[in-house]
């Protein structure tokens, strides 16, 4: 049986640690949107490794449902009080943990 914490630890090891501009670590959590946490240069490789490790076919993931993701710039929060309205769904570690338990991708 797959433990959710193992999946979270897997993504914490696979993805680079995000930090604030003061270099304070921002650890990834179960409901952290992966699109905003990791760049497209490393996220596909982590997802591919996840599929191999947990025997989940990740080729069925419809990335059009999760991209394009709008990221907030550093200066935006100083000039606008409105939050960015996403037009796509967040892709989270929790989704991967539940899919690993089921043995297949559950979403889209």
PDB file of N, CA and C in Angstrom:
ATOM      1  N   UNK A   1       0.845  -1.187   0.000  1.00  0.00           N
ATOM      2  CA  UNK A   1       0.000   0.000   0.000  1.00  0.00           C
ATOM      3  C   UNK A   1       0.889   1.250   0.000  1.00  0.00           C
ATOM      4  N   UNK A   2       0.460   2.236  -0.734  1.00  0.00           N
ATOM      5  CA  UNK A   2       1.209   3.482  -0.869  1.00  0.00           C
ATOM      6  C   UNK A   2       0.832   4.425   0.267  1.00  0.00           C
ATOM      7  N   UNK A   3       1.845   4.979   0.901  1.00  0.00           N
ATOM      8  CA  UNK A   3       1.649   5.945   1.970  1.00  0.00           C
ATOM      9  C   UNK A   3       1.741   7.354   1.366  1.00  0.00           C
ATOM     10  N   UNK A   4       0.775   8.218   1.697  1.00  0.00           N
ATOM     11  CA  UNK A   4       0.758   9.579   1.163  1.00  0.00           C
ATOM     12  C   UNK A   4       2.045  10.332   1.488  1.00  0.00           C
ATOM     13  N   UNK A   5       2.575  10.115   2.677  1.00  0.00           N
ATOM     14  CA  UNK A   5       3.793  10.810   3.089  1.00  0.00           C
ATOM     15  C   UNK A   5       4.974  10.432   2.209  1.00  0.00           C
ATOM     16  N   UNK A   6       5.013   9.166   1.740  1.00  0.00           N
ATOM     17  CA  UNK A   6       6.092   8.754   0.839  1.00  0.00           C
ATOM     18  C   UNK A   6       6.021   9.507  -0.487  1.00  0.00           C
ATOM     19  N   UNK A   7       4.800   9.740  -0.969  1.00  0.00           N
ATOM     20  CA  UNK A   7       4.643  10.480  -2.222  1.00  0.00           C
ATOM     21  C   UNK A   7       5.069  11.934  -2.025  1.00  0.00           C
ATOM     22  N   UNK A   8       4.692  12.530  -0.903  1.00  0.00           N
ATOM     23  CA  UNK A   8       5.119  13.898  -0.606  1.00  0.00           C
ATOM     24  C   UNK A   8       6.638  13.974  -0.505  1.00  0.00           C
ATOM     25  N   UNK A   9       7.246  13.037   0.203  1.00  0.00           N
ATOM     26  CA  UNK A   9       8.705  13.001   0.312  1.00  0.00           C
ATOM     27  C   UNK A   9       9.366  12.815  -1.055  1.00  0.00           C
ATOM     28  N   UNK A  10       8.733  12.000  -1.907  1.00  0.00           N
ATOM     29  CA  UNK A  10       9.252  11.784  -3.252  1.00  0.00           C
ATOM     30  C   UNK A  10       9.338  13.114  -4.007  1.00  0.00           C
ATOM     31  N   UNK A  11       8.248  13.893  -3.998  1.00  0.00           N
ATOM     32  CA  UNK A  11       8.256  15.164  -4.721  1.00  0.00           C
ATOM     33  C   UNK A  11       9.187  16.177  -4.062  1.00  0.00           C
ATOM     34  N   UNK A  12       9.319  16.121  -2.759  1.00  0.00           N
ATOM     35  CA  UNK A  12      10.256  17.026  -2.084  1.00  0.00           C
ATOM     36  C   UNK A  12      11.695  16.727  -2.488  1.00  0.00           C
ATOM     37  N   UNK A  13      11.992  15.465  -2.748  1.00  0.00           N
ATOM     38  CA  UNK A  13      13.343  15.091  -3.180  1.00  0.00           C
ATOM     39  C   UNK A  13      13.560  15.372  -4.659  1.00  0.00           C
ATOM     40  N   UNK A  14      12.535  15.188  -5.470  1.00  0.00           N
ATOM     41  CA  UNK A  14      12.662  15.327  -6.920  1.00  0.00           C
ATOM     42  C   UNK A  14      12.715  16.779  -7.383  1.00  0.00           C
ATOM     43  N   UNK A  15      11.954  17.654  -6.716  1.00  0.00           N
ATOM     44  CA  UNK A  15      11.851  19.041  -7.173  1.00  0.00           C
ATOM     45  C   UNK A  15      12.776  19.949  -6.371  1.00  0.00           C
ATOM     46  N   UNK A  16      13.255  20.976  -7.020  1.00  0.00           N
ATOM     47  CA  UNK A  16      14.113  21.950  -6.344  1.00  0.00           C
ATOM     48  C   UNK A  16      13.328  22.665  -5.257  1.00  0.00           C
ATOM     49  N   UNK A  17      14.007  23.007  -4.184  1.00  0.00           N
ATOM     50  CA  UNK A  17      13.376  23.714  -3.072  1.00  0.00           C
ATOM     51  C   UNK A  17      13.178  25.173  -3.436  1.00  0.00           C
ATOM     52  N   UNK A  18      11.950  25.641  -3.314  1.00  0.00           N
ATOM     53  CA  UNK A  18      11.647  27.044  -3.582  1.00  0.00           C
ATOM     54  C   UNK A  18      11.956  27.846  -2.324  1.00  0.00           C
ATOM     55  N   UNK A  19      12.418  29.077  -2.520  1.00  0.00           N
ATOM     56  CA  UNK A  19      12.713  29.953  -1.384  1.00  0.00           C
ATOM     57  C   UNK A  19      12.110  31.334  -1.629  1.00  0.00           C
ATOM     58  N   UNK A  20      11.953  32.074  -0.534  1.00  0.00           N
ATOM     59  CA  UNK A  20      11.529  33.462  -0.654  1.00  0.00           C
ATOM     60  C   UNK A  20      12.737  34.281  -1.096  1.00  0.00           C
ATOM     61  N   UNK A  21      12.522  35.553  -1.375  1.00  0.00           N
ATOM     62  CA  UNK A  21      13.652  36.390  -1.785  1.00  0.00           C
ATOM     63  C   UNK A  21      14.648  36.577  -0.650  1.00  0.00           C
ATOM     64  N   UNK A  22      14.217  36.268   0.578  1.00  0.00           N
ATOM     65  CA  UNK A  22      15.140  36.303   1.727  1.00  0.00           C
ATOM     66  C   UNK A  22      15.756  34.929   2.000  1.00  0.00           C
ATOM     67  N   UNK A  23      15.574  34.020   1.068  1.00  0.00           N
ATOM     68  CA  UNK A  23      16.114  32.661   1.105  1.00  0.00           C
ATOM     69  C   UNK A  23      15.495  31.782   2.195  1.00  0.00           C
ATOM     70  N   UNK A  24      14.298  32.120   2.616  1.00  0.00           N
ATOM     71  CA  UNK A  24      13.574  31.274   3.556  1.00  0.00           C
ATOM     72  C   UNK A  24      12.938  30.123   2.758  1.00  0.00           C
ATOM     73  N   UNK A  25      13.184  28.869   3.147  1.00  0.00           N
ATOM     74  CA  UNK A  25      12.650  27.732   2.391  1.00  0.00           C
ATOM     75  C   UNK A  25      11.121  27.690   2.402  1.00  0.00           C
ATOM     76  N   UNK A  26      10.564  27.313   1.256  1.00  0.00           N
ATOM     77  CA  UNK A  26       9.124  27.108   1.122  1.00  0.00           C
ATOM     78  C   UNK A  26       8.934  25.641   0.756  1.00  0.00           C
ATOM     79  N   UNK A  27       8.680  24.777   1.736  1.00  0.00           N
ATOM     80  CA  UNK A  27       8.544  23.352   1.425  1.00  0.00           C
ATOM     81  C   UNK A  27       7.246  23.065   0.680  1.00  0.00           C
ATOM     82  N   UNK A  28       7.294  22.101  -0.188  1.00  0.00           N
ATOM     83  CA  UNK A  28       6.110  21.686  -0.923  1.00  0.00           C
ATOM     84  C   UNK A  28       5.179  20.933   0.024  1.00  0.00           C
ATOM     85  N   UNK A  29       3.877  21.151  -0.120  1.00  0.00           N
ATOM     86  CA  UNK A  29       2.865  20.490   0.719  1.00  0.00           C
ATOM     87  C   UNK A  29       1.904  19.723  -0.181  1.00  0.00           C
ATOM     88  N   UNK A  30       0.964  18.998   0.412  1.00  0.00           N
ATOM     89  CA  UNK A  30       0.024  18.186  -0.356  1.00  0.00           C
ATOM     90  C   UNK A  30      -0.801  18.994  -1.343  1.00  0.00           C
ATOM     91  N   UNK A  31      -1.195  20.212  -0.972  1.00  0.00           N
ATOM     92  CA  UNK A  31      -2.075  21.009  -1.828  1.00  0.00           C
ATOM     93  C   UNK A  31      -1.375  22.172  -2.516  1.00  0.00           C
ATOM     94  N   UNK A  32      -0.051  22.138  -2.548  1.00  0.00           N
ATOM     95  CA  UNK A  32       0.716  23.152  -3.271  1.00  0.00           C
ATOM     96  C   UNK A  32       0.542  22.919  -4.770  1.00  0.00           C
ATOM     97  N   UNK A  33       0.126  23.938  -5.532  1.00  0.00           N
ATOM     98  CA  UNK A  33       0.042  23.755  -6.987  1.00  0.00           C
ATOM     99  C   UNK A  33       1.446  23.546  -7.567  1.00  0.00           C
ATOM    100  N   UNK A  34       1.660  22.397  -8.147  1.00  0.00           N
ATOM    101  CA  UNK A  34       2.983  22.070  -8.672  1.00  0.00           C
ATOM    102  C   UNK A  34       3.386  22.980  -9.834  1.00  0.00           C
ATOM    103  N   UNK A  35       2.403  23.473 -10.585  1.00  0.00           N
ATOM    104  CA  UNK A  35       2.720  24.358 -11.714  1.00  0.00           C
ATOM    105  C   UNK A  35       3.386  25.644 -11.236  1.00  0.00           C
ATOM    106  N   UNK A  36       2.995  26.136 -10.081  1.00  0.00           N
ATOM    107  CA  UNK A  36       3.579  27.360  -9.559  1.00  0.00           C
ATOM    108  C   UNK A  36       4.829  27.113  -8.739  1.00  0.00           C
ATOM    109  N   UNK A  37       5.041  25.871  -8.350  1.00  0.00           N
ATOM    110  CA  UNK A  37       6.189  25.543  -7.497  1.00  0.00           C
ATOM    111  C   UNK A  37       7.418  25.173  -8.329  1.00  0.00           C
ATOM    112  N   UNK A  38       7.210  24.347  -9.331  1.00  0.00           N
ATOM    113  CA  UNK A  38       8.331  23.849 -10.133  1.00  0.00           C
ATOM    114  C   UNK A  38       8.196  24.320 -11.572  1.00  0.00           C
ATOM    115  N   UNK A  39       9.308  24.539 -12.205  1.00  0.00           N
ATOM    116  CA  UNK A  39       9.307  24.956 -13.599  1.00  0.00           C
ATOM    117  C   UNK A  39       9.057  23.791 -14.533  1.00  0.00           C
ATOM    118  N   UNK A  40       8.655  24.133 -15.759  1.00  0.00           N
ATOM    119  CA  UNK A  40       8.372  23.107 -16.751  1.00  0.00           C
ATOM    120  C   UNK A  40       9.657  22.387 -17.178  1.00  0.00           C
ATOM    121  N   UNK A  41      10.806  22.900 -16.771  1.00  0.00           N
ATOM    122  CA  UNK A  41      12.064  22.239 -17.097  1.00  0.00           C
ATOM    123  C   UNK A  41      12.371  21.076 -16.160  1.00  0.00           C
ATOM    124  N   UNK A  42      11.671  20.965 -15.010  1.00  0.00           N
ATOM    125  CA  UNK A  42      11.925  19.836 -14.112  1.00  0.00           C
ATOM    126  C   UNK A  42      10.671  19.051 -13.744  1.00  0.00           C
ATOM    127  N   UNK A  43       9.504  19.653 -13.813  1.00  0.00           N
ATOM    128  CA  UNK A  43       8.272  18.965 -13.412  1.00  0.00           C
ATOM    129  C   UNK A  43       7.957  17.727 -14.255  1.00  0.00           C
ATOM    130  N   UNK A  44       8.082  17.766 -15.588  1.00  0.00           N
ATOM    131  CA  UNK A  44       7.784  16.554 -16.372  1.00  0.00           C
ATOM    132  C   UNK A  44       8.674  15.370 -16.003  1.00  0.00           C
ATOM    133  N   UNK A  45       9.917  15.642 -15.663  1.00  0.00           N
ATOM    134  CA  UNK A  45      10.827  14.564 -15.292  1.00  0.00           C
ATOM    135  C   UNK A  45      10.436  13.964 -13.942  1.00  0.00           C
ATOM    136  N   UNK A  46       9.998  14.805 -13.024  1.00  0.00           N
ATOM    137  CA  UNK A  46       9.533  14.313 -11.723  1.00  0.00           C
ATOM    138  C   UNK A  46       8.274  13.471 -11.893  1.00  0.00           C
ATOM    139  N   UNK A  47       7.373  13.905 -12.776  1.00  0.00           N
ATOM    140  CA  UNK A  47       6.143  13.155 -13.018  1.00  0.00           C
ATOM    141  C   UNK A  47       6.459  11.816 -13.673  1.00  0.00           C
ATOM    142  N   UNK A  48       7.393  11.812 -14.591  1.00  0.00           N
ATOM    143  CA  UNK A  48       7.805  10.567 -15.243  1.00  0.00           C
ATOM    144  C   UNK A  48       8.421   9.603 -14.222  1.00  0.00           C
ATOM    145  N   UNK A  49       9.282  10.114 -13.351  1.00  0.00           N
ATOM    146  CA  UNK A  49       9.882   9.281 -12.305  1.00  0.00           C
ATOM    147  C   UNK A  49       8.829   8.766 -11.325  1.00  0.00           C
ATOM    148  N   UNK A  50       7.832   9.604 -11.028  1.00  0.00           N
ATOM    149  CA  UNK A  50       6.729   9.178 -10.172  1.00  0.00           C
ATOM    150  C   UNK A  50       6.016   7.986 -10.797  1.00  0.00           C
ATOM    151  N   UNK A  51       5.714   8.083 -12.089  1.00  0.00           N
ATOM    152  CA  UNK A  51       5.023   7.002 -12.783  1.00  0.00           C
ATOM    153  C   UNK A  51       5.782   5.693 -12.728  1.00  0.00           C
ATOM    154  N   UNK A  52       7.091   5.777 -12.896  1.00  0.00           N
ATOM    155  CA  UNK A  52       7.916   4.568 -12.834  1.00  0.00           C
ATOM    156  C   UNK A  52       7.955   3.992 -11.426  1.00  0.00           C
ATOM    157  N   UNK A  53       8.118   4.860 -10.442  1.00  0.00           N
ATOM    158  CA  UNK A  53       8.250   4.392  -9.061  1.00  0.00           C
ATOM    159  C   UNK A  53       6.952   3.791  -8.521  1.00  0.00           C
ATOM    160  N   UNK A  54       5.817   4.429  -8.831  1.00  0.00           N
ATOM    161  CA  UNK A  54       4.542   3.992  -8.264  1.00  0.00           C
ATOM    162  C   UNK A  54       3.670   3.227  -9.256  1.00  0.00           C
ATOM    163  N   UNK A  55       4.226   2.915 -10.421  1.00  0.00           N
ATOM    164  CA  UNK A  55       3.537   2.122 -11.430  1.00  0.00           C
ATOM    165  C   UNK A  55       2.193   2.746 -11.825  1.00  0.00           C
ATOM    166  N   UNK A  56       2.231   4.040 -12.134  1.00  0.00           N
ATOM    167  CA  UNK A  56       1.051   4.784 -12.579  1.00  0.00           C
ATOM    168  C   UNK A  56       1.351   5.308 -13.980  1.00  0.00           C
ATOM    169  N   UNK A  57       0.441   5.061 -14.917  1.00  0.00           N
ATOM    170  CA  UNK A  57       0.619   5.541 -16.287  1.00  0.00           C
ATOM    171  C   UNK A  57       0.375   7.040 -16.324  1.00  0.00           C
ATOM    172  N   UNK A  58       1.441   7.822 -16.365  1.00  0.00           N
ATOM    173  CA  UNK A  58       1.324   9.281 -16.366  1.00  0.00           C
ATOM    174  C   UNK A  58       1.151   9.854 -17.774  1.00  0.00           C
ATOM    175  N   UNK A  59       1.212   8.998 -18.788  1.00  0.00           N
ATOM    176  CA  UNK A  59       1.026   9.485 -20.154  1.00  0.00           C
ATOM    177  C   UNK A  59      -0.430   9.867 -20.414  1.00  0.00           C
ATOM    178  N   UNK A  60      -1.337   9.462 -19.556  1.00  0.00           N
ATOM    179  CA  UNK A  60      -2.758   9.793 -19.738  1.00  0.00           C
ATOM    180  C   UNK A  60      -3.122  11.149 -19.142  1.00  0.00           C
ATOM    181  N   UNK A  61      -2.181  11.804 -18.475  1.00  0.00           N
ATOM    182  CA  UNK A  61      -2.461  13.110 -17.873  1.00  0.00           C
ATOM    183  C   UNK A  61      -2.666  14.138 -18.983  1.00  0.00           C
ATOM    184  N   UNK A  62      -3.792  14.827 -18.934  1.00  0.00           N
ATOM    185  CA  UNK A  62      -4.114  15.869 -19.906  1.00  0.00           C
ATOM    186  C   UNK A  62      -3.554  17.195 -19.380  1.00  0.00           C
ATOM    187  N   UNK A  63      -2.368  17.555 -19.796  1.00  0.00           N
ATOM    188  CA  UNK A  63      -1.718  18.763 -19.287  1.00  0.00           C
ATOM    189  C   UNK A  63      -2.422  20.043 -19.736  1.00  0.00           C
ATOM    190  N   UNK A  64      -3.266  19.968 -20.751  1.00  0.00           N
ATOM    191  CA  UNK A  64      -4.043  21.143 -21.155  1.00  0.00           C
ATOM    192  C   UNK A  64      -5.014  21.569 -20.060  1.00  0.00           C
ATOM    193  N   UNK A  65      -5.382  20.651 -19.173  1.00  0.00           N
ATOM    194  CA  UNK A  65      -6.280  20.987 -18.066  1.00  0.00           C
ATOM    195  C   UNK A  65      -5.549  21.732 -16.951  1.00  0.00           C
ATOM    196  N   UNK A  66      -4.215  21.723 -16.970  1.00  0.00           N
ATOM    197  CA  UNK A  66      -3.417  22.307 -15.896  1.00  0.00           C
ATOM    198  C   UNK A  66      -2.519  23.461 -16.344  1.00  0.00           C
ATOM    199  N   UNK A  67      -2.432  23.688 -17.648  1.00  0.00           N
ATOM    200  CA  UNK A  67      -1.588  24.760 -18.183  1.00  0.00           C
ATOM    201  C   UNK A  67      -2.353  25.552 -19.214  1.00  0.00           C
ATOM    202  N   UNK A  68      -2.101  26.838 -19.396  1.00  0.00           N
ATOM    203  CA  UNK A  68      -1.028  27.621 -18.807  1.00  0.00           C
ATOM    204  C   UNK A  68      -1.379  28.092 -17.392  1.00  0.00           C
ATOM    205  N   UNK A  69      -0.383  28.087 -16.534  1.00  0.00           N
ATOM    206  CA  UNK A  69      -0.517  28.521 -15.148  1.00  0.00           C
ATOM    207  C   UNK A  69       0.031  29.927 -15.046  1.00  0.00           C
ATOM    208  N   UNK A  70      -0.747  30.819 -14.467  1.00  0.00           N
ATOM    209  CA  UNK A  70      -0.315  32.208 -14.315  1.00  0.00           C
ATOM    210  C   UNK A  70       0.448  32.346 -13.005  1.00  0.00           C
ATOM    211  N   UNK A  71       1.672  32.822 -13.080  1.00  0.00           N
ATOM    212  CA  UNK A  71       2.477  33.006 -11.873  1.00  0.00           C
ATOM    213  C   UNK A  71       2.527  34.474 -11.497  1.00  0.00           C
ATOM    214  N   UNK A  72       2.595  34.705 -10.218  1.00  0.00           N
ATOM    215  CA  UNK A  72       2.632  36.071  -9.704  1.00  0.00           C
ATOM    216  C   UNK A  72       4.071  36.550  -9.638  1.00  0.00           C
ATOM    217  N   UNK A  73       4.307  37.752 -10.145  1.00  0.00           N
ATOM    218  CA  UNK A  73       5.648  38.323 -10.065  1.00  0.00           C
ATOM    219  C   UNK A  73       5.870  38.918  -8.679  1.00  0.00           C
ATOM    220  N   UNK A  74       7.095  39.173  -8.366  1.00  0.00           N
ATOM    221  CA  UNK A  74       7.453  39.728  -7.066  1.00  0.00           C
ATOM    222  C   UNK A  74       6.801  41.087  -6.853  1.00  0.00           C
ATOM    223  N   UNK A  75       6.765  41.903  -7.882  1.00  0.00           N
ATOM    224  CA  UNK A  75       6.271  43.271  -7.747  1.00  0.00           C
ATOM    225  C   UNK A  75       4.752  43.380  -7.790  1.00  0.00           C
ATOM    226  N   UNK A  76       4.074  42.364  -8.331  1.00  0.00           N
ATOM    227  CA  UNK A  76       2.632  42.442  -8.485  1.00  0.00           C
ATOM    228  C   UNK A  76       1.925  42.635  -7.155  1.00  0.00           C
ATOM    229  N   UNK A  77       2.362  41.944  -6.119  1.00  0.00           N
ATOM    230  CA  UNK A  77       1.673  42.045  -4.835  1.00  0.00           C
ATOM    231  C   UNK A  77       1.795  43.434  -4.210  1.00  0.00           C
ATOM    232  N   UNK A  78       2.778  44.217  -4.645  1.00  0.00           N
ATOM    233  CA  UNK A  78       2.932  45.572  -4.129  1.00  0.00           C
ATOM    234  C   UNK A  78       2.047  46.580  -4.869  1.00  0.00           C
ATOM    235  N   UNK A  79       1.675  46.251  -6.102  1.00  0.00           N
ATOM    236  CA  UNK A  79       0.920  47.186  -6.919  1.00  0.00           C
ATOM    237  C   UNK A  79      -0.536  46.792  -7.135  1.00  0.00           C
ATOM    238  N   UNK A  80      -0.918  45.578  -6.731  1.00  0.00           N
ATOM    239  CA  UNK A  80      -2.287  45.130  -6.934  1.00  0.00           C
ATOM    240  C   UNK A  80      -2.727  44.274  -5.758  1.00  0.00           C
ATOM    241  N   UNK A  81      -3.907  44.544  -5.257  1.00  0.00           N
ATOM    242  CA  UNK A  81      -4.427  43.754  -4.143  1.00  0.00           C
ATOM    243  C   UNK A  81      -5.247  42.564  -4.640  1.00  0.00           C
ATOM    244  N   UNK A  82      -5.575  42.552  -5.931  1.00  0.00           N
ATOM    245  CA  UNK A  82      -6.342  41.458  -6.500  1.00  0.00           C
ATOM    246  C   UNK A  82      -5.444  40.245  -6.724  1.00  0.00           C
ATOM    247  N   UNK A  83      -5.961  39.078  -6.402  1.00  0.00           N
ATOM    248  CA  UNK A  83      -5.188  37.867  -6.649  1.00  0.00           C
ATOM    249  C   UNK A  83      -5.365  37.443  -8.109  1.00  0.00           C
ATOM    250  N   UNK A  84      -4.434  36.679  -8.578  1.00  0.00           N
ATOM    251  CA  UNK A  84      -4.487  36.196  -9.954  1.00  0.00           C
ATOM    252  C   UNK A  84      -5.592  35.153 -10.059  1.00  0.00           C
ATOM    253  N   UNK A  85      -6.427  35.283 -11.075  1.00  0.00           N
ATOM    254  CA  UNK A  85      -7.501  34.327 -11.310  1.00  0.00           C
ATOM    255  C   UNK A  85      -6.993  33.257 -12.281  1.00  0.00           C
ATOM    256  N   UNK A  86      -6.860  32.038 -11.784  1.00  0.00           N
ATOM    257  CA  UNK A  86      -6.407  30.936 -12.625  1.00  0.00           C
ATOM    258  C   UNK A  86      -7.560  30.441 -13.489  1.00  0.00           C
ATOM    259  N   UNK A  87      -7.256  30.044 -14.704  1.00  0.00           N
ATOM    260  CA  UNK A  87      -8.272  29.496 -15.603  1.00  0.00           C
ATOM    261  C   UNK A  87      -8.135  27.988 -15.740  1.00  0.00           C
ATOM    262  N   UNK A  88      -7.159  27.417 -15.041  1.00  0.00           N
ATOM    263  CA  UNK A  88      -6.931  25.974 -15.091  1.00  0.00           C
ATOM    264  C   UNK A  88      -6.891  25.418 -13.676  1.00  0.00           C
ATOM    265  N   UNK A  89      -6.975  24.097 -13.570  1.00  0.00           N
ATOM    266  CA  UNK A  89      -6.983  23.432 -12.269  1.00  0.00           C
ATOM    267  C   UNK A  89      -5.558  23.300 -11.722  1.00  0.00           C
ATOM    268  N   UNK A  90      -5.409  23.311 -10.395  1.00  0.00           N
ATOM    269  CA  UNK A  90      -4.083  23.058  -9.818  1.00  0.00           C
ATOM    270  C   UNK A  90      -3.735  21.578  -9.885  1.00  0.00           C
ATOM    271  N   UNK A  91      -2.487  21.295 -10.112  1.00  0.00           N
ATOM    272  CA  UNK A  91      -1.947  19.940 -10.126  1.00  0.00           C
ATOM    273  C   UNK A  91      -1.186  19.777  -8.822  1.00  0.00           C
ATOM    274  N   UNK A  92      -1.668  18.904  -7.912  1.00  0.00           N
ATOM    275  CA  UNK A  92      -1.113  18.843  -6.566  1.00  0.00           C
ATOM    276  C   UNK A  92      -0.517  17.473  -6.240  1.00  0.00           C
ATOM    277  N   UNK A  93       0.280  17.445  -5.194  1.00  0.00           N
ATOM    278  CA  UNK A  93       0.868  16.195  -4.708  1.00  0.00           C
ATOM    279  C   UNK A  93      -0.247  15.258  -4.237  1.00  0.00           C
ATOM    280  N   UNK A  94      -1.300  15.816  -3.649  1.00  0.00           N
ATOM    281  CA  UNK A  94      -2.413  14.990  -3.180  1.00  0.00           C
ATOM    282  C   UNK A  94      -3.021  14.184  -4.335  1.00  0.00           C
ATOM    283  N   UNK A  95      -3.111  14.790  -5.517  1.00  0.00           N
ATOM    284  CA  UNK A  95      -3.641  14.086  -6.683  1.00  0.00           C
ATOM    285  C   UNK A  95      -2.755  12.892  -7.040  1.00  0.00           C
ATOM    286  N   UNK A  96      -1.457  13.098  -6.943  1.00  0.00           N
ATOM    287  CA  UNK A  96      -0.528  12.016  -7.255  1.00  0.00           C
ATOM    288  C   UNK A  96      -0.578  10.925  -6.179  1.00  0.00           C
ATOM    289  N   UNK A  97      -0.715  11.321  -4.923  1.00  0.00           N
ATOM    290  CA  UNK A  97      -0.789  10.341  -3.835  1.00  0.00           C
ATOM    291  C   UNK A  97      -2.038   9.475  -3.970  1.00  0.00           C
ATOM    292  N   UNK A  98      -3.176  10.090  -4.275  1.00  0.00           N
ATOM    293  CA  UNK A  98      -4.411   9.326  -4.439  1.00  0.00           C
ATOM    294  C   UNK A  98      -4.342   8.424  -5.659  1.00  0.00           C
ATOM    295  N   UNK A  99      -3.705   8.895  -6.719  1.00  0.00           N
ATOM    296  CA  UNK A  99      -3.546   8.083  -7.917  1.00  0.00           C
ATOM    297  C   UNK A  99      -2.597   6.912  -7.660  1.00  0.00           C
ATOM    298  N   UNK A 100      -1.561   7.131  -6.868  1.00  0.00           N
ATOM    299  CA  UNK A 100      -0.635   6.042  -6.532  1.00  0.00           C
ATOM    300  C   UNK A 100      -1.350   4.963  -5.729  1.00  0.00           C
ATOM    301  N   UNK A 101      -2.232   5.372  -4.831  1.00  0.00           N
ATOM    302  CA  UNK A 101      -3.015   4.395  -4.059  1.00  0.00           C
ATOM    303  C   UNK A 101      -3.911   3.569  -4.970  1.00  0.00           C
ATOM    304  N   UNK A 102      -4.512   4.217  -5.962  1.00  0.00           N
ATOM    305  CA  UNK A 102      -5.435   3.541  -6.871  1.00  0.00           C
ATOM    306  C   UNK A 102      -4.709   2.749  -7.957  1.00  0.00           C
ATOM    307  N   UNK A 103      -3.438   3.104  -8.213  1.00  0.00           N
ATOM    308  CA  UNK A 103      -2.672   2.410  -9.240  1.00  0.00           C
ATOM    309  C   UNK A 103      -2.910   2.933 -10.644  1.00  0.00           C
ATOM    310  N   UNK A 104      -3.610   4.062 -10.748  1.00  0.00           N
ATOM    311  CA  UNK A 104      -3.866   4.694 -12.055  1.00  0.00           C
ATOM    312  C   UNK A 104      -4.153   6.169 -11.832  1.00  0.00           C
ATOM    313  N   UNK A 105      -4.027   6.969 -12.909  1.00  0.00           N
ATOM    314  CA  UNK A 105      -4.310   8.392 -12.799  1.00  0.00           C
ATOM    315  C   UNK A 105      -5.817   8.581 -12.688  1.00  0.00           C
ATOM    316  N   UNK A 106      -6.248   9.308 -11.658  1.00  0.00           N
ATOM    317  CA  UNK A 106      -7.669   9.432 -11.345  1.00  0.00           C
ATOM    318  C   UNK A 106      -8.327  10.708 -11.869  1.00  0.00           C
ATOM    319  N   UNK A 107      -7.586  11.617 -12.426  1.00  0.00           N
ATOM    320  CA  UNK A 107      -8.121  12.942 -12.722  1.00  0.00           C
ATOM    321  C   UNK A 107      -8.192  13.220 -14.210  1.00  0.00           C
ATOM    322  N   UNK A 108      -8.817  14.324 -14.576  1.00  0.00           N
ATOM    323  CA  UNK A 108      -9.014  14.861 -15.942  1.00  0.00           C
ATOM    324  C   UNK A 108     -10.353  14.459 -16.423  1.00  0.00           C
TER     325      UNK A 108
END
